Amino acid sequence: MWIMVAGPYASGGADAPTRAARLAAMNRAALAVFRLGHTPVIGVNMALPVIAAAEHDAYAEVMQPLSLALAERCDAILRLPGDSHGADAELARFQAAGKPVFRALDEIPPAR
């Protein structure tokens, strides 16, 4: 399965060290998903290089729309703990589509 890993990133006006720690947590979870035999996907990892390439502040323009578009292509979501409107919006897409929602790594079955 392609599994989106979603959690807090910039919520709550997070400073740069907090954002980096949150992204590192998502990347560690993605590694665990990969080791289960699945393909992990993180919207922030897709959006940040695109935002960096913009000649202006493109965070609002790119982050959520790109993450939601990516969510549409995934088979399931792993929602990490913590408040996040963006991660909740991604989660809502999976729930609306009746796709699997995992809230812990141990809920994800190994790939066949």
Protein backbone atom coordinates (compact mmCIF):
# COMPACT_ATOMS: atom_id res chain seq x y z
CA MET A 1 0.00 0.00 0.00
CA TRP A 2 0.94 3.62 -0.43
CA ILE A 3 0.50 5.02 3.07
CA MET A 4 0.44 8.74 3.79
CA VAL A 5 2.15 9.69 7.04
CA ALA A 6 0.42 12.77 8.46
CA GLY A 7 1.01 14.73 11.62
CA PRO A 8 1.75 18.18 12.95
CA TYR A 9 4.31 20.25 11.10
CA ALA A 10 3.71 24.01 11.32
CA SER A 11 0.59 24.01 13.48
CA GLY A 12 0.52 26.32 16.45
CA GLY A 13 2.96 28.73 14.83
CA ALA A 14 5.82 26.29 15.30
CA ASP A 15 9.33 27.70 15.09
CA ALA A 16 12.01 26.19 12.83
CA PRO A 17 13.42 23.73 15.40
CA THR A 18 9.93 22.47 16.24
CA ARG A 19 9.05 22.04 12.56
CA ALA A 20 12.31 20.15 12.01
CA ALA A 21 11.61 17.84 14.97
CA ARG A 22 8.07 17.19 13.76
CA LEU A 23 9.26 16.41 10.23
CA ALA A 24 11.92 14.08 11.65
CA ALA A 25 9.18 12.22 13.56
CA MET A 26 7.16 11.81 10.35
CA ASN A 27 10.27 10.58 8.51
CA ARG A 28 11.00 8.03 11.26
CA ALA A 29 7.43 6.77 10.98
CA ALA A 30 7.83 6.63 7.20
CA LEU A 31 10.91 4.45 7.60
CA ALA A 32 8.93 2.07 9.80
CA VAL A 33 6.13 1.97 7.20
CA PHE A 34 8.73 1.21 4.52
CA ARG A 35 10.18 -1.59 6.61
CA LEU A 36 6.70 -3.11 6.78
CA GLY A 37 6.87 -3.36 2.98
CA HIS A 38 4.71 -0.36 2.09
CA THR A 39 5.47 2.90 0.28
CA PRO A 40 5.38 5.84 2.71
CA VAL A 41 4.35 9.29 1.48
CA ILE A 42 4.68 12.58 3.38
CA GLY A 43 2.97 15.66 1.97
CA VAL A 44 5.42 18.03 3.66
CA ASN A 45 8.35 16.28 1.96
CA MET A 46 6.66 16.73 -1.40
CA ALA A 47 5.68 20.36 -0.82
CA LEU A 48 8.78 21.87 0.79
CA PRO A 49 11.05 21.68 -2.31
CA VAL A 50 8.29 23.21 -4.44
CA ILE A 51 7.84 26.01 -1.90
CA ALA A 52 11.61 26.58 -1.82
CA ALA A 53 11.67 26.90 -5.61
CA ALA A 54 9.12 29.72 -5.60
CA GLU A 55 10.34 33.26 -6.01
CA HIS A 56 7.97 34.41 -3.28
CA ASP A 57 6.35 33.03 -0.14
CA ALA A 58 4.35 30.16 -1.59
CA TYR A 59 3.65 28.21 1.60
CA ALA A 60 -0.12 28.82 1.62
CA GLU A 61 -0.32 28.38 -2.13
CA VAL A 62 1.46 25.02 -2.19
CA MET A 63 1.54 23.15 1.15
CA GLN A 64 -2.07 22.12 1.75
CA PRO A 65 -3.22 21.84 -1.88
CA LEU A 66 -0.27 19.64 -2.81
CA SER A 67 -0.63 17.50 0.32
CA LEU A 68 -4.34 16.97 -0.31
CA ALA A 69 -3.72 16.07 -3.95
CA LEU A 70 -1.14 13.54 -2.82
CA ALA A 71 -3.61 12.10 -0.29
CA GLU A 72 -5.99 11.33 -3.13
CA ARG A 73 -3.38 8.95 -4.62
CA CYS A 74 -2.63 7.01 -1.43
CA ASP A 75 -4.30 3.84 -0.19
CA ALA A 76 -4.24 4.54 3.56
CA ILE A 77 -3.09 7.07 6.14
CA LEU A 78 -1.06 6.86 9.33
CA ARG A 79 -2.19 9.81 11.46
CA LEU A 80 0.46 10.64 14.03
CA PRO A 81 -0.58 12.27 17.32
CA GLY A 82 -0.78 16.02 17.75
CA ASP A 83 -2.98 18.91 16.75
CA SER A 84 -2.85 19.71 13.04
CA HIS A 85 -5.54 21.16 10.82
CA GLY A 86 -3.61 20.01 7.73
CA ALA A 87 -3.24 16.41 8.93
CA ASP A 88 -6.91 16.42 9.94
CA ALA A 89 -7.88 17.58 6.43
CA GLU A 90 -5.82 14.75 4.95
CA LEU A 91 -7.42 12.28 7.36
CA ALA A 92 -10.89 13.48 6.37
CA ARG A 93 -10.14 12.60 2.73
CA PHE A 94 -9.34 9.02 3.68
CA GLN A 95 -12.38 8.70 5.91
CA ALA A 96 -14.68 10.09 3.21
CA ALA A 97 -13.28 7.61 0.70
CA GLY A 98 -13.60 4.68 3.12
CA LYS A 99 -9.84 4.08 3.00
CA PRO A 100 -7.92 2.61 5.96
CA VAL A 101 -6.93 4.95 8.77
CA PHE A 102 -4.14 3.89 11.10
CA ARG A 103 -3.28 5.74 14.30
CA ALA A 104 -0.27 3.66 15.34
CA LEU A 105 2.43 1.75 13.50
CA ASP A 106 1.41 -1.52 15.12
CA GLU A 107 -2.00 -1.24 13.43
CA ILE A 108 -0.42 -1.49 9.96
CA PRO A 109 -0.22 -5.03 8.62
CA PRO A 110 2.98 -6.09 6.87
CA ALA A 111 2.78 -6.09 3.09
CA ARG A 112 2.18 -9.49 1.55
